[in-house]
Each structure stands twice: as structure tokens, then as C-alpha cells.
Amino acid sequence: MNKILALLRIHQWAKNFFIFLPLFFDKRFGDLKLLTTCFIVFLGFSFITSAVYCFNDIIDREDDKKHPLKKKRPIASGDITTLSGWIISFCLIISGGSILFLAYRSISVILIVLLYLILNIAYSIEFKRIAIIDVFIIGIGFVIRIIIGGIIGDITLSHWIVIMTFLLAIFLGFAKRLDDVQIYTKTGVAGRKNIIRYNVPFLYALLMITSTVTVVAYLMYSISDEITNRFGSNYIYLTSLFVILGIFRYLQLTIVDKKGGSPTFILLKDFFIQGCIIAWLLSFALIIYFI
């Protein structure tokens, strides 16, 4: 059972909480019916993402066997057979799709989830071999998550939330590529076939650019007329303190401590990052819900 849970990568479901962001920003977090629907969709979509991880592990099993960390994955290690992996992946897609259809009978949600599934299958087969494009597809995946949340709540997404979600996702993606390059430099094992198209100076430059643009975009968002009018507050900019702290901390973990390999594990284990996220959520909620 533990091997199956490891194959599903339950910890990666944390990424799917982006589905709730449109509700939070639209002051709809108090709508329990909508929140319940969103949670059920979150669960169904999480099954779909686990199916994608399973499919990816099947495709990458030979390369993973050579990787110092990925060789412990259930399929690469042989704890779960390839056939069992296919069966589990298929069952997850059927289960996730059924949950999504029953929870929210919208052709729009089904189509956007289908787009996510097709895009990630294409990523696993081919696009992850193309440097830069691979990270951009990860960014699109996060944008799809917030689009799903917007559809569920019938919320028109601000262009700001789309831009910042994409920027944050590619920032984290390039940090992960830096970790792959560092492992490749140390062990000679290429965890990804496109790793030779990245190197440390190039990724440092990409991290500096994306982190800077992300911070600037958030600052522009926080003082824009659209946002101050929507929330009826001129104090949104104060929340940028925690955004900047969080990004700087992530850069420190990635560049100094060389721990940028898994954004999800950092989120779950680093108290500093957790503190920044909680402080940002609380300060934002205080400003838009109570002040």
C-alpha cells in the first residue's frame, strides 16, 4: 500500500490548492456550498494529476534507474510492475473523471481537465526533452488549475492572477532544473534528457529574471486601480513583504543550500516558507475580508 501511495505522489496534491485561489481572491471563501464543490473537484483533479505522475514514471523508468534519488520510485525500483502502473493510471483517470463529472457537471471543466491531461501526456513523451518549453508547460499547468477554480465559482479571472501564477510556476520550475544540473555535475547522471541544454550560469540568470519579474508583477498588481477598486482597499501592497521574503528564502534554499529539487517538499518542510505563506494569507484575508 505504501508503494502505491508513493506512486501516486500524494504530497504533490498540494499544487492543486491553486484551484481555490479564485474563490479566495473573489471573497467567496465563506460560501460553504461552493467551497465543498471546489474541494470535491480538487479531489477529482488530484486523481488525474496522480495518473499523470504514474504515466510519467512508466515512461521514465529506465532513466530513473540511473538517478540517485529517482531510482527509489516504485516502478523504477521494481516494487510495482509496469503493467500494474498502467492499470493504476487508467483507474485514476476513470475515478478522477467520474468525480469531476458528478461534482460539477460542466463541459468546460471536463474540457480544461482533458486539455491538462493531453498536455501532460505530450510533456511526458516529448516536450520535457525540449529545454525551456518543458518549464513553460509546467507553468501552463498551474494556470489551468486556477482556470478550473474560476469556472467553478463563475469568476472572471484577473489578468494579474494569471500572470503571477505562471511566473511563480516557471520560477519554481527553473529552480528544479538547477537542482538537476547540480546532480548531473556531481554524479554524471542526467536525470532529464534535456539537461545538457541547461547549465548553472544560465539557470542563475533565469532565476534572477523570473524572481524579479514575479516581484515586480506582484507590486504592480497590489497597487493597480483594478485591484484596489475590487477590494476597496489601498493596503494590498503591504502583503508584498511576505511575497518578497518567500521568494528570497526560496532563492537561498535553491542557490546556497542546493535544495531546489522539490518545491512541494520545501513547502511541507521549511518553516520559513510556511511562515511566509501563512502570513501572506492572513494579511491578505484581513485586508480584503475585514478592513
Protein backbone atom coordinates (compact mmCIF):
# COMPACT_ATOMS: atom_id res chain seq x y z
CA MET A 1 0.00 0.00 0.00
CA ASN A 2 2.85 2.39 0.85
CA LYS A 3 4.38 1.78 -2.58
CA ILE A 4 1.10 2.64 -4.29
CA LEU A 5 0.82 5.86 -2.26
CA ALA A 6 4.41 6.70 -3.22
CA LEU A 7 3.49 6.13 -6.88
CA LEU A 8 0.51 8.49 -6.57
CA ARG A 9 2.75 11.20 -5.02
CA ILE A 10 0.04 12.41 -2.67
CA HIS A 11 2.31 15.21 -1.43
CA GLN A 12 2.17 16.74 -4.92
CA TRP A 13 -1.55 17.33 -4.46
CA ALA A 14 -0.53 20.50 -2.60
CA LYS A 15 -0.08 22.11 -6.03
CA ASN A 16 -3.78 21.63 -6.72
CA PHE A 17 -4.74 24.06 -3.95
CA PHE A 18 -4.30 26.70 -6.66
CA ILE A 19 -7.84 25.70 -7.64
CA PHE A 20 -9.06 27.53 -4.52
CA LEU A 21 -7.26 30.82 -5.27
CA PRO A 22 -10.02 32.42 -7.40
CA LEU A 23 -12.51 31.85 -4.55
CA PHE A 24 -10.13 33.41 -2.05
CA PHE A 25 -9.46 36.49 -4.18
CA ASP A 26 -13.15 36.93 -5.04
CA LYS A 27 -14.18 36.94 -1.35
CA ARG A 28 -16.12 33.69 -1.82
CA PHE A 29 -14.33 31.62 0.81
CA GLY A 30 -17.33 31.92 3.10
CA ASP A 31 -19.63 30.17 0.62
CA LEU A 32 -19.64 26.64 2.08
CA LYS A 33 -21.58 25.10 -0.81
CA LEU A 34 -19.16 26.49 -3.36
CA LEU A 35 -16.20 25.57 -1.17
CA THR A 36 -17.46 21.98 -0.89
CA THR A 37 -17.87 21.71 -4.66
CA CYS A 38 -14.38 23.11 -5.12
CA PHE A 39 -12.94 20.57 -2.68
CA ILE A 40 -14.57 17.64 -4.50
CA VAL A 41 -13.24 18.96 -7.83
CA PHE A 42 -9.84 19.33 -6.15
CA LEU A 43 -10.01 15.65 -5.19
CA GLY A 44 -11.02 14.53 -8.68
CA PHE A 45 -8.35 16.65 -10.33
CA SER A 46 -5.77 15.29 -7.88
CA PHE A 47 -6.57 11.77 -9.09
CA ILE A 48 -5.92 12.98 -12.64
CA THR A 49 -2.56 14.52 -11.66
CA SER A 50 -1.57 11.29 -9.89
CA ALA A 51 -2.40 9.38 -13.09
CA VAL A 52 -0.05 11.73 -14.96
CA TYR A 53 2.76 11.10 -12.45
CA CYS A 54 2.18 7.37 -12.80
CA PHE A 55 2.31 7.60 -16.60
CA ASN A 56 5.48 9.71 -16.39
CA ASP A 57 7.17 7.15 -14.11
CA ILE A 58 6.37 4.39 -16.59
CA ILE A 59 7.84 6.36 -19.50
CA ASP A 60 10.92 7.38 -17.48
CA ARG A 61 11.56 4.08 -15.68
CA GLU A 62 14.87 3.29 -17.44
CA ASP A 63 16.28 6.79 -16.91
CA ASP A 64 15.05 6.86 -13.31
CA LYS A 65 17.02 3.69 -12.54
CA LYS A 66 20.24 5.65 -13.14
CA HIS A 67 19.23 8.63 -10.97
CA PRO A 68 20.49 8.71 -7.34
CA LEU A 69 17.06 9.67 -5.98
CA LYS A 70 14.53 8.71 -8.65
CA LYS A 71 15.76 5.10 -8.69
CA LYS A 72 13.75 4.65 -5.46
CA ARG A 73 10.45 5.35 -7.23
CA PRO A 74 8.16 2.29 -7.13
CA ILE A 75 8.24 1.48 -10.86
CA ALA A 76 11.95 2.23 -11.35
CA SER A 77 12.85 0.10 -8.32
CA GLY A 78 10.61 -2.76 -9.46
CA ASP A 79 8.34 -2.61 -6.41
CA ILE A 80 5.42 -2.02 -8.79
CA THR A 81 5.37 -3.63 -12.23
CA THR A 82 4.88 -1.61 -15.40
CA LEU A 83 1.58 -3.41 -16.08
CA SER A 84 0.32 -2.55 -12.60
CA GLY A 85 1.37 1.04 -13.22
CA TRP A 86 -0.72 1.20 -16.39
CA ILE A 87 -3.73 -0.28 -14.59
CA ILE A 88 -3.40 2.15 -11.68
CA SER A 89 -3.05 5.11 -14.05
CA PHE A 90 -6.13 4.08 -16.02
CA CYS A 91 -8.18 3.59 -12.84
CA LEU A 92 -7.13 7.01 -11.57
CA ILE A 93 -8.24 8.71 -14.78
CA ILE A 94 -11.63 6.96 -14.68
CA SER A 95 -12.08 7.72 -10.96
CA GLY A 96 -10.96 11.34 -11.26
CA GLY A 97 -13.10 11.96 -14.32
CA SER A 98 -16.15 10.45 -12.62
CA ILE A 99 -15.67 12.59 -9.51
CA LEU A 100 -15.29 15.73 -11.62
CA PHE A 101 -18.42 14.97 -13.65
CA LEU A 102 -20.54 14.18 -10.61
CA ALA A 103 -19.27 17.15 -8.60
CA TYR A 104 -19.59 19.77 -11.31
CA ARG A 105 -21.39 18.79 -14.49
CA SER A 106 -19.77 21.34 -16.73
CA ILE A 107 -18.39 20.60 -20.16
CA SER A 108 -15.95 23.50 -19.61
CA VAL A 109 -14.31 21.79 -16.63
CA ILE A 110 -14.15 18.44 -18.42
CA LEU A 111 -12.56 20.05 -21.49
CA ILE A 112 -9.97 22.02 -19.50
CA VAL A 113 -9.04 18.90 -17.50
CA LEU A 114 -8.80 16.93 -20.74
CA LEU A 115 -6.50 19.65 -22.08
CA TYR A 116 -4.35 19.29 -18.95
CA LEU A 117 -4.20 15.53 -19.40
CA ILE A 118 -3.28 15.69 -23.10
CA LEU A 119 -0.70 18.43 -22.50
CA ASN A 120 0.99 16.43 -19.74
CA ILE A 121 0.98 13.20 -21.71
CA ALA A 122 2.65 15.11 -24.55
CA TYR A 123 5.05 16.57 -21.97
CA SER A 124 5.99 13.11 -20.67
CA ILE A 125 6.52 11.72 -24.15
CA GLU A 126 8.22 14.61 -25.93
CA PHE A 127 8.04 18.19 -24.60
CA LYS A 128 10.09 17.55 -21.47
CA ARG A 129 13.03 16.88 -23.79
CA ILE A 130 12.91 20.49 -25.03
CA ALA A 131 14.65 22.92 -22.66
CA ILE A 132 12.63 25.99 -21.59
CA ILE A 133 9.47 24.63 -23.25
CA ASP A 134 9.38 21.95 -20.56
CA VAL A 135 9.18 24.56 -17.79
CA PHE A 136 6.65 26.67 -19.67
CA ILE A 137 4.30 23.69 -19.89
CA ILE A 138 4.57 23.31 -16.11
CA GLY A 139 3.56 26.98 -15.83
CA ILE A 140 0.56 26.40 -18.11
CA GLY A 141 -0.46 23.51 -15.86
CA PHE A 142 -0.70 25.86 -12.88
CA VAL A 143 -2.70 28.38 -14.91
CA ILE A 144 -5.13 25.57 -15.81
CA ARG A 145 -5.62 24.95 -12.07
CA ILE A 146 -6.76 28.50 -11.40
CA ILE A 147 -8.94 28.47 -14.53
CA ILE A 148 -10.74 25.44 -13.10
CA GLY A 149 -11.33 27.36 -9.86
CA GLY A 150 -12.60 30.33 -11.84
CA ILE A 151 -15.06 28.18 -13.79
CA ILE A 152 -16.41 26.55 -10.63
CA GLY A 153 -17.04 29.90 -8.95
CA ASP A 154 -18.16 31.60 -12.18
CA ILE A 155 -15.38 34.09 -11.55
CA THR A 156 -13.74 36.22 -14.24
CA LEU A 157 -10.04 35.87 -13.56
CA SER A 158 -7.94 39.00 -13.34
CA HIS A 159 -5.08 39.03 -15.84
CA TRP A 160 -2.86 39.67 -12.83
CA ILE A 161 -3.60 36.34 -11.15
CA VAL A 162 -2.93 34.51 -14.42
CA ILE A 163 0.37 36.31 -14.98
CA MET A 164 1.61 35.84 -11.41
CA THR A 165 0.61 32.17 -11.29
CA PHE A 166 2.51 31.49 -14.49
CA LEU A 167 5.58 33.45 -13.37
CA LEU A 168 5.72 31.77 -9.97
CA ALA A 169 5.37 28.33 -11.56
CA ILE A 170 8.22 28.83 -14.04
CA PHE A 171 10.38 30.31 -11.27
CA LEU A 172 9.92 27.10 -9.28
CA GLY A 173 10.43 25.04 -12.43
CA PHE A 174 13.78 26.63 -13.23
CA ALA A 175 14.85 26.16 -9.59
CA LYS A 176 14.12 22.46 -10.02
CA ARG A 177 16.18 22.36 -13.22
CA LEU A 178 19.08 23.91 -11.34
CA ASP A 179 18.93 21.01 -8.89
CA ASP A 180 19.02 18.57 -11.83
CA VAL A 181 22.08 20.32 -13.27
CA GLN A 182 23.86 20.21 -9.91
CA ILE A 183 23.18 16.46 -9.60
CA TYR A 184 24.38 15.94 -13.17
CA THR A 185 27.58 17.90 -12.47
CA LYS A 186 28.24 15.90 -9.31
CA THR A 187 27.32 12.38 -10.46
CA GLY A 188 27.41 12.49 -14.24
CA VAL A 189 23.84 11.15 -14.28
CA ALA A 190 21.39 13.14 -16.40
CA GLY A 191 18.03 12.97 -14.66
CA ARG A 192 16.47 14.58 -17.76
CA LYS A 193 17.40 14.16 -21.39
CA ASN A 194 17.37 17.93 -21.94
CA ILE A 195 19.70 18.68 -19.02
CA ILE A 196 22.64 19.33 -21.37
CA ARG A 197 20.69 22.34 -22.67
CA TYR A 198 20.87 23.92 -19.21
CA ASN A 199 23.86 24.94 -17.10
CA VAL A 200 24.36 26.72 -13.79
CA PRO A 201 25.07 30.27 -15.10
CA PHE A 202 22.10 30.08 -17.49
CA LEU A 203 19.74 28.91 -14.74
CA TYR A 204 21.04 31.53 -12.30
CA ALA A 205 20.16 34.16 -14.92
CA LEU A 206 16.70 32.66 -15.47
CA LEU A 207 16.06 32.55 -11.72
CA MET A 208 17.10 36.17 -11.30
CA ILE A 209 14.90 37.28 -14.20
CA THR A 210 11.80 35.29 -13.18
CA SER A 211 12.07 36.15 -9.48
CA THR A 212 12.49 39.86 -10.30
CA VAL A 213 9.59 39.92 -12.77
CA THR A 214 7.40 37.99 -10.30
CA VAL A 215 8.06 40.52 -7.52
CA VAL A 216 7.50 43.48 -9.86
CA ALA A 217 4.28 41.93 -11.18
CA TYR A 218 3.01 41.43 -7.64
CA LEU A 219 3.85 45.01 -6.68
CA MET A 220 2.10 46.32 -9.80
CA TYR A 221 -0.88 44.08 -9.01
CA SER A 222 -1.10 45.31 -5.41
CA ILE A 223 -1.23 49.00 -6.37
CA SER A 224 -3.27 48.74 -9.59
CA ASP A 225 -6.57 50.60 -9.76
CA GLU A 226 -8.34 47.39 -10.81
CA ILE A 227 -7.33 45.59 -7.62
CA THR A 228 -7.71 48.48 -5.16
CA ASN A 229 -11.19 49.15 -6.53
CA ARG A 230 -12.18 45.49 -6.47
CA PHE A 231 -11.15 45.01 -2.85
CA GLY A 232 -11.92 48.54 -1.74
CA SER A 233 -8.53 48.88 -0.08
CA ASN A 234 -5.29 50.73 -0.72
CA TYR A 235 -3.32 48.45 1.62
CA ILE A 236 -2.88 45.36 -0.55
CA TYR A 237 0.70 46.42 -1.23
CA LEU A 238 1.58 45.61 2.40
CA THR A 239 1.23 41.89 1.63
CA SER A 240 4.16 42.16 -0.83
CA LEU A 241 6.53 42.00 2.15
CA PHE A 242 5.76 38.29 2.62
CA VAL A 243 5.90 37.58 -1.11
CA ILE A 244 9.39 39.08 -1.34
CA LEU A 245 10.54 37.27 1.80
CA GLY A 246 9.24 33.96 0.47
CA ILE A 247 10.94 34.33 -2.91
CA PHE A 248 14.23 35.40 -1.34
CA ARG A 249 14.08 32.42 1.00
CA TYR A 250 13.44 30.08 -1.92
CA LEU A 251 16.43 31.52 -3.78
CA GLN A 252 18.55 30.92 -0.68
CA LEU A 253 17.41 27.30 -0.44
CA THR A 254 17.99 26.76 -4.15
CA ILE A 255 21.33 28.52 -4.68
CA VAL A 256 23.02 28.39 -1.27
CA ASP A 257 21.62 25.20 0.25
CA LYS A 258 21.06 23.43 -3.10
CA LYS A 259 17.61 22.18 -2.07
CA GLY A 260 15.50 23.30 -5.01
CA GLY A 261 14.75 19.80 -6.29
CA SER A 262 11.20 19.56 -4.94
CA PRO A 263 9.09 22.70 -4.38
CA THR A 264 6.44 20.58 -2.64
CA PHE A 265 8.89 19.14 -0.11
CA ILE A 266 10.19 22.63 0.61
CA LEU A 267 6.62 23.81 1.16
CA LEU A 268 5.96 20.92 3.55
CA LYS A 269 9.23 21.07 5.48
CA ASP A 270 10.63 24.61 5.51
CA PHE A 271 9.17 26.60 8.41
CA PHE A 272 10.36 29.91 6.96
CA ILE A 273 8.47 29.35 3.69
CA GLN A 274 5.42 28.11 5.60
CA GLY A 275 5.53 31.21 7.80
CA CYS A 276 5.69 33.50 4.74
CA ILE A 277 2.70 31.77 3.13
CA ILE A 278 0.61 31.82 6.31
CA ALA A 279 1.49 35.47 6.99
CA TRP A 280 0.63 36.39 3.39
CA LEU A 281 -2.71 34.56 3.56
CA LEU A 282 -3.65 36.07 6.92
CA SER A 283 -2.63 39.61 5.98
CA PHE A 284 -4.43 39.38 2.64
CA ALA A 285 -7.55 37.92 4.26
CA LEU A 286 -7.51 40.61 6.96
CA ILE A 287 -7.30 43.37 4.36
CA ILE A 288 -9.91 42.12 1.88
CA TYR A 289 -12.37 40.50 4.29
CA PHE A 290 -12.25 42.67 7.39
CA ILE A 291 -10.72 46.09 6.73
